[in-house]
Amino acid sequence: MPESIDLPDDGEMEPVRLPDSNLESVEATVRKLMEQQAEQARQLDSLSAPPDPSPFAAFGLPSLPGMPGAPMQAPPEPRPILELEGDEFEDELDALSDWVDGYLIRIYGAEVTTAAPWCKQWQEHDDVVGWLHALWMAYQQHKDPEAGPSGMFVWHRDFLTHCLAHVRAAGGPLSACQTDPDRDAHRLLPGPASSTRSARAASADQPEPGEPDQAGA
């Protein structure tokens, strides 16, 4: 039978008192645990913070382009070639010519016939330049690894076939140019005239014979 515990007359137990040496040990342990918790919190904060964009930030120096940690510059957005002017247009046309003459026509050009005309001065046909430049931009996009294994198939199906069918159609923009591989030819056909509404508006802006020109007044 367990030994009974004698309680004081008032029924309350006296608090347990630890020796001073044990109390100091407990306080030291608690303090150490709090310090470890604070250090862990600082480590978590440093891990969750974004990386320093520049390795020279601590020295107050700006990061240099191309250096590790330097901000990435987005490449310029491609623009349709017919929206370019001056040297920018000429440089883009040179690059397009290298691709068309060295790759596109050499591989996909087939034979020059009345049903598939061509022009060695195709750069003089603005609409052909616009079509071929759009085809070139699509080629660059779909040959990129990010386009996936089927990227080039999509380019052949949706872009190449459609573009060449229009540019080299028997009644297309090159129909008055070379239709015989032994006879070079180049001719710019006149495009449609302005609509009747635009022509009427332009004539209304012209001064009547004998009246002063208000634009030059």
N, C-alpha and C. Protein backbone atom coordinates (compact mmCIF):
# COMPACT_ATOMS: atom_id res chain seq x y z
N MET A 1 0.86 -1.19 0.00
CA MET A 1 0.00 0.00 0.00
C MET A 1 0.89 1.23 0.00
N PRO A 2 0.63 2.21 -0.96
CA PRO A 2 1.50 3.38 -1.04
C PRO A 2 1.42 4.23 0.22
N GLU A 3 2.52 4.84 0.46
CA GLU A 3 2.60 5.68 1.67
C GLU A 3 1.84 6.96 1.45
N SER A 4 1.01 7.38 2.37
CA SER A 4 0.21 8.60 2.24
C SER A 4 1.08 9.81 2.48
N ILE A 5 0.64 10.91 1.80
CA ILE A 5 1.35 12.17 1.92
C ILE A 5 0.57 13.07 2.87
N ASP A 6 1.26 13.57 3.83
CA ASP A 6 0.62 14.46 4.79
C ASP A 6 0.57 15.86 4.24
N LEU A 7 -0.65 16.42 4.17
CA LEU A 7 -0.85 17.77 3.70
C LEU A 7 -0.89 18.73 4.88
N PRO A 8 -0.54 19.98 4.68
CA PRO A 8 -0.66 20.96 5.77
C PRO A 8 -2.11 21.07 6.22
N ASP A 9 -2.28 21.65 7.36
CA ASP A 9 -3.63 21.79 7.90
C ASP A 9 -4.53 22.60 6.99
N ASP A 10 -3.99 23.64 6.28
CA ASP A 10 -4.85 24.47 5.45
C ASP A 10 -5.12 23.84 4.08
N GLY A 11 -4.56 22.66 3.75
CA GLY A 11 -4.83 21.95 2.49
C GLY A 11 -4.02 22.42 1.31
N GLU A 12 -3.14 23.40 1.43
CA GLU A 12 -2.34 23.92 0.32
C GLU A 12 -0.93 23.36 0.40
N MET A 13 -0.37 23.05 -0.83
CA MET A 13 0.99 22.52 -0.89
C MET A 13 1.97 23.68 -0.99
N GLU A 14 3.06 23.52 -0.38
CA GLU A 14 4.09 24.56 -0.43
C GLU A 14 4.78 24.52 -1.77
N PRO A 15 5.14 25.67 -2.36
CA PRO A 15 5.82 25.69 -3.66
C PRO A 15 7.18 25.02 -3.57
N VAL A 16 7.54 24.41 -4.73
CA VAL A 16 8.83 23.74 -4.80
C VAL A 16 9.91 24.78 -4.99
N ARG A 17 10.90 24.73 -4.24
CA ARG A 17 11.98 25.70 -4.30
C ARG A 17 13.24 24.99 -4.79
N LEU A 18 13.82 25.58 -5.87
CA LEU A 18 15.05 25.02 -6.41
C LEU A 18 16.23 25.76 -5.82
N PRO A 19 17.32 25.07 -5.71
CA PRO A 19 18.54 25.76 -5.27
C PRO A 19 18.93 26.82 -6.27
N ASP A 20 19.60 27.85 -5.82
CA ASP A 20 20.00 28.95 -6.71
C ASP A 20 20.86 28.45 -7.86
N SER A 21 21.68 27.47 -7.65
CA SER A 21 22.55 26.97 -8.72
C SER A 21 21.71 26.35 -9.84
N ASN A 22 20.67 25.59 -9.49
CA ASN A 22 19.80 24.99 -10.51
C ASN A 22 19.01 26.05 -11.26
N LEU A 23 18.55 27.11 -10.57
CA LEU A 23 17.79 28.18 -11.20
C LEU A 23 18.64 28.91 -12.24
N GLU A 24 19.90 29.16 -11.91
CA GLU A 24 20.78 29.83 -12.87
C GLU A 24 21.00 28.96 -14.11
N SER A 25 21.06 27.65 -13.93
CA SER A 25 21.25 26.74 -15.06
C SER A 25 20.03 26.76 -15.98
N VAL A 26 18.85 26.80 -15.42
CA VAL A 26 17.62 26.85 -16.22
C VAL A 26 17.55 28.16 -17.00
N GLU A 27 17.90 29.28 -16.34
CA GLU A 27 17.87 30.57 -17.02
C GLU A 27 18.87 30.59 -18.18
N ALA A 28 20.04 30.02 -17.97
CA ALA A 28 21.04 29.98 -19.03
C ALA A 28 20.55 29.15 -20.20
N THR A 29 19.88 28.03 -19.90
CA THR A 29 19.36 27.17 -20.98
C THR A 29 18.29 27.89 -21.77
N VAL A 30 17.39 28.58 -21.09
CA VAL A 30 16.32 29.33 -21.77
C VAL A 30 16.91 30.44 -22.63
N ARG A 31 17.91 31.14 -22.09
CA ARG A 31 18.54 32.23 -22.84
C ARG A 31 19.22 31.69 -24.11
N LYS A 32 19.87 30.54 -23.97
CA LYS A 32 20.54 29.95 -25.13
C LYS A 32 19.54 29.53 -26.19
N LEU A 33 18.40 28.97 -25.76
CA LEU A 33 17.37 28.57 -26.72
C LEU A 33 16.80 29.78 -27.45
N MET A 34 16.61 30.88 -26.75
CA MET A 34 16.08 32.09 -27.38
C MET A 34 17.09 32.66 -28.39
N GLU A 35 18.37 32.61 -28.06
CA GLU A 35 19.38 33.08 -28.99
C GLU A 35 19.44 32.21 -30.24
N GLN A 36 19.32 30.89 -30.08
CA GLN A 36 19.30 30.00 -31.23
C GLN A 36 18.08 30.25 -32.11
N GLN A 37 16.94 30.52 -31.48
CA GLN A 37 15.73 30.80 -32.25
C GLN A 37 15.88 32.09 -33.05
N ALA A 38 16.48 33.12 -32.45
CA ALA A 38 16.69 34.38 -33.15
C ALA A 38 17.65 34.21 -34.33
N GLU A 39 18.71 33.40 -34.14
CA GLU A 39 19.66 33.15 -35.23
C GLU A 39 18.99 32.39 -36.37
N GLN A 40 18.15 31.42 -36.07
CA GLN A 40 17.43 30.69 -37.10
C GLN A 40 16.48 31.62 -37.87
N ALA A 41 15.84 32.54 -37.17
CA ALA A 41 14.96 33.50 -37.84
C ALA A 41 15.73 34.39 -38.80
N ARG A 42 16.94 34.83 -38.39
CA ARG A 42 17.77 35.65 -39.29
C ARG A 42 18.19 34.86 -40.53
N GLN A 43 18.52 33.59 -40.36
CA GLN A 43 18.91 32.76 -41.50
C GLN A 43 17.75 32.56 -42.47
N LEU A 44 16.54 32.35 -41.92
CA LEU A 44 15.38 32.20 -42.80
C LEU A 44 15.10 33.47 -43.57
N ASP A 45 15.27 34.63 -42.91
CA ASP A 45 15.05 35.91 -43.59
C ASP A 45 16.04 36.10 -44.73
N SER A 46 17.31 35.72 -44.50
CA SER A 46 18.32 35.89 -45.54
C SER A 46 18.09 34.95 -46.71
N LEU A 47 17.56 33.76 -46.45
CA LEU A 47 17.28 32.82 -47.52
C LEU A 47 16.08 33.23 -48.35
N SER A 48 15.09 33.85 -47.71
CA SER A 48 13.88 34.26 -48.44
C SER A 48 14.05 35.59 -49.14
N ALA A 49 15.10 36.36 -48.82
CA ALA A 49 15.29 37.66 -49.46
C ALA A 49 15.79 37.46 -50.88
N PRO A 50 15.41 38.35 -51.86
CA PRO A 50 15.90 38.22 -53.24
C PRO A 50 17.39 38.44 -53.29
N PRO A 51 18.07 37.80 -54.25
CA PRO A 51 19.53 37.96 -54.34
C PRO A 51 19.91 39.37 -54.72
N ASP A 52 21.08 39.76 -54.28
CA ASP A 52 21.59 41.09 -54.60
C ASP A 52 21.79 41.19 -56.10
N PRO A 53 21.12 42.16 -56.77
CA PRO A 53 21.24 42.23 -58.23
C PRO A 53 22.64 42.56 -58.70
N SER A 54 23.47 43.09 -57.87
CA SER A 54 24.81 43.46 -58.31
C SER A 54 25.84 43.00 -57.29
N PRO A 55 26.89 42.30 -57.74
CA PRO A 55 27.94 41.88 -56.79
C PRO A 55 28.74 43.05 -56.27
N PHE A 56 28.60 44.24 -56.90
CA PHE A 56 29.34 45.41 -56.47
C PHE A 56 28.50 46.36 -55.63
N ALA A 57 27.28 45.92 -55.27
CA ALA A 57 26.39 46.82 -54.54
C ALA A 57 26.97 47.19 -53.19
N ALA A 58 27.68 46.25 -52.55
CA ALA A 58 28.25 46.53 -51.23
C ALA A 58 29.30 47.64 -51.30
N PHE A 59 29.89 47.87 -52.48
CA PHE A 59 30.90 48.91 -52.64
C PHE A 59 30.33 50.17 -53.26
N GLY A 60 29.01 50.16 -53.50
CA GLY A 60 28.38 51.35 -54.07
C GLY A 60 28.64 51.52 -55.55
N LEU A 61 29.02 50.42 -56.25
CA LEU A 61 29.33 50.50 -57.67
C LEU A 61 28.18 49.92 -58.47
N PRO A 62 27.85 50.49 -59.63
CA PRO A 62 26.78 49.94 -60.46
C PRO A 62 27.22 48.66 -61.14
N SER A 63 26.26 47.79 -61.43
CA SER A 63 26.58 46.57 -62.15
C SER A 63 26.78 46.88 -63.62
N LEU A 64 27.65 46.11 -64.26
CA LEU A 64 27.97 46.32 -65.66
C LEU A 64 27.22 45.33 -66.52
N PRO A 65 26.77 45.72 -67.72
CA PRO A 65 26.07 44.77 -68.59
C PRO A 65 26.95 43.58 -68.90
N GLY A 66 26.36 42.40 -68.84
CA GLY A 66 27.09 41.18 -69.13
C GLY A 66 27.77 40.57 -67.91
N MET A 67 27.86 41.31 -66.80
CA MET A 67 28.47 40.78 -65.59
C MET A 67 27.44 39.98 -64.81
N PRO A 68 27.90 38.99 -64.00
CA PRO A 68 26.95 38.22 -63.19
C PRO A 68 26.16 39.14 -62.27
N GLY A 69 24.86 38.93 -62.24
CA GLY A 69 23.99 39.76 -61.41
C GLY A 69 23.49 41.00 -62.10
N ALA A 70 23.99 41.29 -63.31
CA ALA A 70 23.53 42.48 -64.03
C ALA A 70 22.12 42.23 -64.53
N PRO A 71 21.27 43.26 -64.52
CA PRO A 71 19.89 43.07 -65.00
C PRO A 71 19.88 42.71 -66.48
N MET A 72 19.01 41.76 -66.83
CA MET A 72 18.90 41.32 -68.21
C MET A 72 18.16 42.37 -69.03
N GLN A 73 18.70 42.68 -70.19
CA GLN A 73 18.05 43.63 -71.08
C GLN A 73 17.22 42.86 -72.10
N ALA A 74 15.94 43.21 -72.18
CA ALA A 74 15.06 42.53 -73.12
C ALA A 74 15.46 42.87 -74.55
N PRO A 75 15.47 41.87 -75.42
CA PRO A 75 15.82 42.15 -76.82
C PRO A 75 14.77 43.05 -77.45
N PRO A 76 15.16 43.84 -78.43
CA PRO A 76 14.19 44.73 -79.07
C PRO A 76 13.09 43.92 -79.75
N GLU A 77 11.88 44.44 -79.69
CA GLU A 77 10.76 43.75 -80.30
C GLU A 77 10.88 43.83 -81.83
N PRO A 78 10.63 42.70 -82.51
CA PRO A 78 10.70 42.73 -83.98
C PRO A 78 9.63 43.64 -84.56
N ARG A 79 10.02 44.37 -85.60
CA ARG A 79 9.09 45.28 -86.27
C ARG A 79 9.00 44.89 -87.73
N PRO A 80 7.84 45.04 -88.35
CA PRO A 80 7.73 44.79 -89.79
C PRO A 80 8.71 45.68 -90.55
N ILE A 81 9.35 45.11 -91.55
CA ILE A 81 10.42 45.83 -92.25
C ILE A 81 9.90 47.09 -92.93
N LEU A 82 8.65 47.08 -93.38
CA LEU A 82 8.11 48.24 -94.10
C LEU A 82 7.81 49.40 -93.16
N GLU A 83 7.95 49.17 -91.86
CA GLU A 83 7.80 50.28 -90.90
C GLU A 83 9.15 50.93 -90.58
N LEU A 84 10.24 50.34 -91.06
CA LEU A 84 11.57 50.87 -90.81
C LEU A 84 11.94 51.90 -91.86
N GLU A 85 12.91 52.73 -91.54
CA GLU A 85 13.35 53.78 -92.46
C GLU A 85 14.86 53.90 -92.42
N GLY A 86 15.41 54.50 -93.47
CA GLY A 86 16.83 54.84 -93.50
C GLY A 86 17.74 53.64 -93.37
N ASP A 87 18.81 53.84 -92.60
CA ASP A 87 19.81 52.78 -92.43
C ASP A 87 19.22 51.55 -91.76
N GLU A 88 18.26 51.77 -90.88
CA GLU A 88 17.64 50.63 -90.20
C GLU A 88 16.93 49.72 -91.21
N PHE A 89 16.25 50.33 -92.17
CA PHE A 89 15.59 49.56 -93.21
C PHE A 89 16.61 48.84 -94.09
N GLU A 90 17.67 49.55 -94.50
CA GLU A 90 18.68 48.96 -95.38
C GLU A 90 19.39 47.79 -94.70
N ASP A 91 19.70 47.92 -93.42
CA ASP A 91 20.37 46.84 -92.71
C ASP A 91 19.46 45.61 -92.61
N GLU A 92 18.19 45.84 -92.35
CA GLU A 92 17.25 44.72 -92.25
C GLU A 92 17.05 44.07 -93.61
N LEU A 93 17.02 44.88 -94.67
CA LEU A 93 16.85 44.33 -96.02
C LEU A 93 18.08 43.51 -96.43
N ASP A 94 19.26 43.95 -96.04
CA ASP A 94 20.48 43.17 -96.33
C ASP A 94 20.42 41.81 -95.64
N ALA A 95 20.01 41.80 -94.37
CA ALA A 95 19.92 40.54 -93.65
C ALA A 95 18.85 39.64 -94.25
N LEU A 96 17.73 40.22 -94.65
CA LEU A 96 16.67 39.44 -95.27
C LEU A 96 17.14 38.86 -96.60
N SER A 97 17.88 39.65 -97.37
CA SER A 97 18.38 39.18 -98.67
C SER A 97 19.32 37.99 -98.50
N ASP A 98 20.17 38.05 -97.48
CA ASP A 98 21.08 36.93 -97.23
C ASP A 98 20.30 35.65 -96.96
N TRP A 99 19.21 35.77 -96.21
CA TRP A 99 18.42 34.58 -95.87
C TRP A 99 17.62 34.08 -97.07
N VAL A 100 17.00 35.01 -97.80
CA VAL A 100 16.19 34.60 -98.96
C VAL A 100 17.06 33.97 -100.04
N ASP A 101 18.16 34.65 -100.42
CA ASP A 101 18.99 34.15 -101.52
C ASP A 101 19.84 32.96 -101.11
N GLY A 102 20.30 32.94 -99.86
CA GLY A 102 21.21 31.88 -99.44
C GLY A 102 20.51 30.67 -98.86
N TYR A 103 19.23 30.80 -98.49
CA TYR A 103 18.55 29.66 -97.86
C TYR A 103 17.19 29.38 -98.50
N LEU A 104 16.31 30.36 -98.48
CA LEU A 104 14.93 30.11 -98.89
C LEU A 104 14.83 29.66 -100.35
N ILE A 105 15.34 30.48 -101.26
CA ILE A 105 15.20 30.16 -102.68
C ILE A 105 16.11 28.99 -103.07
N ARG A 106 17.25 28.89 -102.46
CA ARG A 106 18.16 27.79 -102.78
C ARG A 106 17.54 26.45 -102.45
N ILE A 107 16.70 26.39 -101.39
CA ILE A 107 16.11 25.11 -100.96
C ILE A 107 14.68 24.97 -101.45
N TYR A 108 13.91 26.04 -101.36
CA TYR A 108 12.49 25.95 -101.66
C TYR A 108 12.09 26.68 -102.95
N GLY A 109 13.08 27.16 -103.69
CA GLY A 109 12.76 27.98 -104.85
C GLY A 109 12.14 27.23 -106.01
N ALA A 110 12.47 25.96 -106.16
CA ALA A 110 11.97 25.16 -107.27
C ALA A 110 12.33 25.83 -108.60
N GLU A 111 11.57 25.55 -109.63
CA GLU A 111 11.88 26.03 -110.97
C GLU A 111 11.06 27.26 -111.30
N VAL A 112 11.65 28.17 -112.05
CA VAL A 112 10.94 29.36 -112.51
C VAL A 112 10.11 28.98 -113.73
N THR A 113 8.81 29.19 -113.64
CA THR A 113 7.90 28.91 -114.75
C THR A 113 6.84 30.00 -114.78
N THR A 114 5.99 29.92 -115.78
CA THR A 114 4.88 30.88 -115.84
C THR A 114 3.93 30.70 -114.65
N ALA A 115 3.90 29.49 -114.10
CA ALA A 115 3.04 29.23 -112.94
C ALA A 115 3.74 29.59 -111.63
N ALA A 116 5.06 29.78 -111.65
CA ALA A 116 5.82 30.13 -110.45
C ALA A 116 6.90 31.13 -110.83
N PRO A 117 6.53 32.38 -111.11
CA PRO A 117 7.51 33.39 -111.51
C PRO A 117 8.41 33.79 -110.35
N TRP A 118 9.50 34.45 -110.68
CA TRP A 118 10.42 34.98 -109.68
C TRP A 118 11.00 36.28 -110.22
N CYS A 119 11.72 36.98 -109.39
CA CYS A 119 12.34 38.23 -109.81
C CYS A 119 13.65 38.40 -109.06
N LYS A 120 14.74 38.60 -109.81
CA LYS A 120 16.03 38.80 -109.17
C LYS A 120 16.13 40.17 -108.50
N GLN A 121 15.16 41.01 -108.76
CA GLN A 121 15.10 42.32 -108.09
C GLN A 121 13.87 42.37 -107.19
N TRP A 122 13.62 41.27 -106.50
CA TRP A 122 12.44 41.20 -105.65
C TRP A 122 12.45 42.27 -104.56
N GLN A 123 13.65 42.80 -104.23
CA GLN A 123 13.72 43.85 -103.21
C GLN A 123 13.01 45.13 -103.65
N GLU A 124 12.73 45.25 -104.98
CA GLU A 124 12.02 46.44 -105.48
C GLU A 124 10.51 46.32 -105.33
N HIS A 125 10.03 45.15 -104.99
CA HIS A 125 8.60 44.91 -104.81
C HIS A 125 8.29 45.01 -103.31
N ASP A 126 7.69 46.08 -102.90
CA ASP A 126 7.46 46.29 -101.46
C ASP A 126 6.61 45.19 -100.85
N ASP A 127 5.57 44.76 -101.56
CA ASP A 127 4.70 43.74 -100.97
C ASP A 127 5.44 42.42 -100.83
N VAL A 128 6.32 42.09 -101.77
CA VAL A 128 7.10 40.86 -101.66
C VAL A 128 8.08 40.96 -100.49
N VAL A 129 8.68 42.11 -100.32
CA VAL A 129 9.58 42.32 -99.19
C VAL A 129 8.84 42.11 -97.87
N GLY A 130 7.63 42.65 -97.80
CA GLY A 130 6.84 42.49 -96.58
C GLY A 130 6.49 41.04 -96.31
N TRP A 131 6.10 40.30 -97.34
CA TRP A 131 5.76 38.89 -97.17
C TRP A 131 6.98 38.08 -96.75
N LEU A 132 8.08 38.25 -97.44
CA LEU A 132 9.27 37.45 -97.15
C LEU A 132 9.86 37.79 -95.78
N HIS A 133 9.76 39.04 -95.38
CA HIS A 133 10.26 39.41 -94.06
C HIS A 133 9.41 38.77 -92.96
N ALA A 134 8.09 38.75 -93.16
CA ALA A 134 7.22 38.08 -92.19
C ALA A 134 7.52 36.59 -92.13
N LEU A 135 7.81 35.99 -93.29
CA LEU A 135 8.17 34.57 -93.32
C LEU A 135 9.48 34.33 -92.58
N TRP A 136 10.42 35.24 -92.73
CA TRP A 136 11.72 35.13 -92.06
C TRP A 136 11.58 35.23 -90.55
N MET A 137 10.77 36.19 -90.09
CA MET A 137 10.55 36.32 -88.64
C MET A 137 9.89 35.07 -88.07
N ALA A 138 8.92 34.50 -88.82
CA ALA A 138 8.28 33.27 -88.36
C ALA A 138 9.28 32.12 -88.32
N TYR A 139 10.19 32.11 -89.28
CA TYR A 139 11.23 31.06 -89.31
C TYR A 139 12.11 31.15 -88.05
N GLN A 140 12.52 32.36 -87.70
CA GLN A 140 13.36 32.53 -86.52
C GLN A 140 12.64 32.10 -85.25
N GLN A 141 11.34 32.37 -85.20
CA GLN A 141 10.57 31.98 -84.02
C GLN A 141 10.41 30.47 -83.91
N HIS A 142 10.12 29.81 -85.02
CA HIS A 142 9.78 28.38 -84.97
C HIS A 142 11.00 27.47 -84.98
N LYS A 143 12.18 28.01 -85.32
CA LYS A 143 13.37 27.17 -85.22
C LYS A 143 13.98 27.24 -83.82
N ASP A 144 13.48 28.12 -82.99
CA ASP A 144 13.98 28.23 -81.63
C ASP A 144 13.63 26.97 -80.85
N PRO A 145 14.54 26.47 -79.99
CA PRO A 145 14.24 25.25 -79.23
C PRO A 145 12.96 25.35 -78.40
N GLU A 146 12.60 26.56 -77.99
CA GLU A 146 11.40 26.72 -77.18
C GLU A 146 10.14 26.39 -77.98
N ALA A 147 10.23 26.40 -79.32
CA ALA A 147 9.07 26.06 -80.15
C ALA A 147 8.78 24.57 -80.13
N GLY A 148 9.71 23.77 -79.62
CA GLY A 148 9.49 22.34 -79.53
C GLY A 148 9.85 21.60 -80.80
N PRO A 149 9.81 20.27 -80.77
CA PRO A 149 10.19 19.47 -81.93
C PRO A 149 9.33 19.72 -83.16
N SER A 150 8.08 20.14 -82.97
CA SER A 150 7.19 20.35 -84.10
C SER A 150 7.23 21.79 -84.63
N GLY A 151 8.14 22.61 -84.11
CA GLY A 151 8.17 24.01 -84.51
C GLY A 151 8.37 24.20 -86.00
N MET A 152 9.33 23.49 -86.58
CA MET A 152 9.61 23.67 -88.00
C MET A 152 8.50 23.09 -88.87
N PHE A 153 7.84 22.05 -88.41
CA PHE A 153 6.69 21.54 -89.17
C PHE A 153 5.59 22.60 -89.24
N VAL A 154 5.34 23.26 -88.13
CA VAL A 154 4.33 24.31 -88.11
C VAL A 154 4.73 25.44 -89.07
N TRP A 155 6.02 25.76 -89.10
CA TRP A 155 6.49 26.81 -90.02
C TRP A 155 6.25 26.39 -91.47
N HIS A 156 6.57 25.16 -91.82
CA HIS A 156 6.33 24.70 -93.19
C HIS A 156 4.84 24.74 -93.53
N ARG A 157 4.02 24.26 -92.62
CA ARG A 157 2.59 24.12 -92.91
C ARG A 157 1.86 25.46 -92.95
N ASP A 158 2.12 26.29 -91.95
CA ASP A 158 1.32 27.50 -91.77
C ASP A 158 1.92 28.74 -92.40
N PHE A 159 3.23 28.74 -92.69
CA PHE A 159 3.87 29.96 -93.15
C PHE A 159 4.54 29.80 -94.52
N LEU A 160 5.43 28.85 -94.66
CA LEU A 160 6.18 28.70 -95.90
C LEU A 160 5.26 28.47 -97.10
N THR A 161 4.41 27.46 -97.00
CA THR A 161 3.56 27.11 -98.13
C THR A 161 2.64 28.26 -98.52
N HIS A 162 2.05 28.90 -97.55
CA HIS A 162 1.11 29.98 -97.82
C HIS A 162 1.82 31.19 -98.43
N CYS A 163 3.00 31.52 -97.89
CA CYS A 163 3.73 32.69 -98.38
C CYS A 163 4.17 32.50 -99.83
N LEU A 164 4.81 31.37 -100.14
CA LEU A 164 5.29 31.15 -101.50
C LEU A 164 4.15 31.00 -102.49
N ALA A 165 3.04 30.44 -102.04
CA ALA A 165 1.89 30.32 -102.93
C ALA A 165 1.36 31.69 -103.34
N HIS A 166 1.48 32.67 -102.47
CA HIS A 166 1.03 34.02 -102.80
C HIS A 166 2.08 34.78 -103.62
N VAL A 167 3.33 34.77 -103.12
CA VAL A 167 4.37 35.56 -103.76
C VAL A 167 4.64 35.07 -105.18
N ARG A 168 4.63 33.76 -105.39
CA ARG A 168 4.98 33.20 -106.69
C ARG A 168 3.77 32.70 -107.47
N ALA A 169 2.62 33.22 -107.15
CA ALA A 169 1.41 32.83 -107.88
C ALA A 169 1.46 33.36 -109.31
N ALA A 170 0.78 32.67 -110.19
CA ALA A 170 0.77 33.08 -111.60
C ALA A 170 0.21 34.49 -111.78
N GLY A 171 -0.70 34.86 -110.94
CA GLY A 171 -1.26 36.21 -110.99
C GLY A 171 -0.83 37.06 -109.82
N GLY A 172 0.30 36.71 -109.19
CA GLY A 172 0.76 37.42 -108.01
C GLY A 172 1.61 38.62 -108.33
N PRO A 173 2.29 39.15 -107.33
CA PRO A 173 3.04 40.39 -107.50
C PRO A 173 4.23 40.27 -108.45
N LEU A 174 4.69 39.05 -108.74
CA LEU A 174 5.84 38.86 -109.63
C LEU A 174 5.42 38.33 -111.00
N SER A 175 4.14 38.37 -111.30
CA SER A 175 3.65 37.75 -112.53
C SER A 175 4.17 38.43 -113.79
N ALA A 176 4.59 39.69 -113.70
CA ALA A 176 5.13 40.39 -114.86
C ALA A 176 6.65 40.33 -114.92
N CYS A 177 7.25 39.57 -114.01
CA CYS A 177 8.71 39.47 -113.97
C CYS A 177 9.18 38.18 -114.63
N GLN A 178 10.23 37.59 -114.13
CA GLN A 178 10.84 36.44 -114.77
C GLN A 178 9.92 35.23 -114.72
N THR A 179 9.54 34.73 -115.90
CA THR A 179 8.75 33.50 -116.00
C THR A 179 9.51 32.43 -116.77
N ASP A 180 10.71 32.77 -117.24
CA ASP A 180 11.57 31.83 -117.96
C ASP A 180 12.95 31.93 -117.34
N PRO A 181 13.52 30.82 -116.91
CA PRO A 181 14.83 30.88 -116.24
C PRO A 181 15.93 31.44 -117.14
N ASP A 182 15.73 31.43 -118.46
CA ASP A 182 16.76 31.93 -119.38
C ASP A 182 16.55 33.39 -119.75
N ARG A 183 15.48 34.00 -119.26
CA ARG A 183 15.21 35.40 -119.61
C ARG A 183 14.90 36.19 -118.34
N ASP A 184 15.85 37.02 -117.93
CA ASP A 184 15.63 37.86 -116.76
C ASP A 184 14.61 38.94 -117.09
N ALA A 185 13.75 39.22 -116.17
CA ALA A 185 12.76 40.26 -116.37
C ALA A 185 12.37 40.85 -115.02
N HIS A 186 12.10 42.13 -115.03
CA HIS A 186 11.65 42.81 -113.81
C HIS A 186 10.73 43.95 -114.23
N ARG A 187 9.56 43.95 -113.67
CA ARG A 187 8.59 44.99 -114.00
C ARG A 187 7.69 45.23 -112.81
N LEU A 188 7.54 46.48 -112.47
CA LEU A 188 6.63 46.86 -111.38
C LEU A 188 5.29 47.22 -111.98
N LEU A 189 4.30 46.44 -111.66
CA LEU A 189 2.95 46.72 -112.15
C LEU A 189 2.32 47.84 -111.32
N PRO A 190 1.56 48.71 -111.98
CA PRO A 190 0.92 49.78 -111.22
C PRO A 190 -0.12 49.22 -110.26
N GLY A 191 -0.16 49.76 -109.08
CA GLY A 191 -1.14 49.33 -108.10
C GLY A 191 -2.46 50.03 -108.29
N PRO A 192 -3.47 49.64 -107.51
CA PRO A 192 -4.78 50.28 -107.63
C PRO A 192 -4.70 51.78 -107.32
N ALA A 193 -5.50 52.54 -108.02
CA ALA A 193 -5.57 53.98 -107.75
C ALA A 193 -6.33 54.22 -106.46
N SER A 194 -6.27 55.46 -105.99
CA SER A 194 -7.00 55.82 -104.77
C SER A 194 -8.49 55.65 -104.99
N SER A 195 -9.18 55.37 -103.92
CA SER A 195 -10.63 55.21 -104.01
C SER A 195 -11.29 56.51 -104.44
N THR A 196 -12.49 56.40 -104.95
CA THR A 196 -13.21 57.59 -105.42
C THR A 196 -13.41 58.58 -104.28
N ARG A 197 -13.68 58.10 -103.09
CA ARG A 197 -13.90 59.00 -101.96
C ARG A 197 -12.64 59.79 -101.63
N SER A 198 -11.48 59.09 -101.59
CA SER A 198 -10.24 59.78 -101.29
C SER A 198 -9.87 60.77 -102.39
N ALA A 199 -10.08 60.36 -103.65
CA ALA A 199 -9.77 61.27 -104.76
C ALA A 199 -10.66 62.50 -104.72
N ARG A 200 -11.93 62.33 -104.38
CA ARG A 200 -12.84 63.46 -104.29
C ARG A 200 -12.44 64.39 -103.15
N ALA A 201 -12.01 63.80 -102.01
CA ALA A 201 -11.58 64.64 -100.89
C ALA A 201 -10.31 65.40 -101.24
N ALA A 202 -9.39 64.75 -101.97
CA ALA A 202 -8.15 65.43 -102.35
C ALA A 202 -8.42 66.57 -103.33
N SER A 203 -9.35 66.36 -104.28
CA SER A 203 -9.65 67.42 -105.24
C SER A 203 -10.35 68.58 -104.58
N ALA A 204 -11.13 68.30 -103.52
CA ALA A 204 -11.81 69.39 -102.81
C ALA A 204 -10.83 70.28 -102.08
N ASP A 205 -9.67 69.72 -101.71
CA ASP A 205 -8.66 70.51 -101.02
C ASP A 205 -7.83 71.35 -101.96
N GLN A 206 -7.93 71.07 -103.28
CA GLN A 206 -7.16 71.84 -104.24
C GLN A 206 -7.86 73.17 -104.53
N PRO A 207 -7.11 74.28 -104.65
CA PRO A 207 -7.73 75.57 -104.94
C PRO A 207 -8.23 75.63 -106.38
N GLU A 208 -9.29 76.39 -106.59
CA GLU A 208 -9.81 76.59 -107.94
C GLU A 208 -8.83 77.42 -108.75
N PRO A 209 -8.84 77.24 -110.09
CA PRO A 209 -7.95 78.06 -110.93
C PRO A 209 -8.17 79.54 -110.68
N GLY A 210 -7.09 80.26 -110.46
CA GLY A 210 -7.18 81.69 -110.22
C GLY A 210 -7.28 82.06 -108.76
N GLU A 211 -7.53 81.08 -107.89
CA GLU A 211 -7.62 81.36 -106.45
C GLU A 211 -6.25 81.12 -105.82
N PRO A 212 -5.92 81.91 -104.80
CA PRO A 212 -4.62 81.72 -104.14
C PRO A 212 -4.62 80.40 -103.37
N ASP A 213 -3.46 79.81 -103.34
CA ASP A 213 -3.29 78.57 -102.58
C ASP A 213 -3.16 78.93 -101.11
N GLN A 214 -4.20 78.49 -100.30
CA GLN A 214 -4.19 78.85 -98.90
C GLN A 214 -3.03 78.21 -98.16
N ALA A 215 -2.57 77.07 -98.64
CA ALA A 215 -1.45 76.42 -97.95
C ALA A 215 -0.20 77.23 -98.08
N GLY A 216 -0.03 77.95 -99.22
CA GLY A 216 1.17 78.75 -99.40
C GLY A 216 0.98 80.19 -99.02
N ALA A 217 -0.24 80.56 -98.61
CA ALA A 217 -0.50 81.96 -98.23
C ALA A 217 0.13 82.26 -96.90
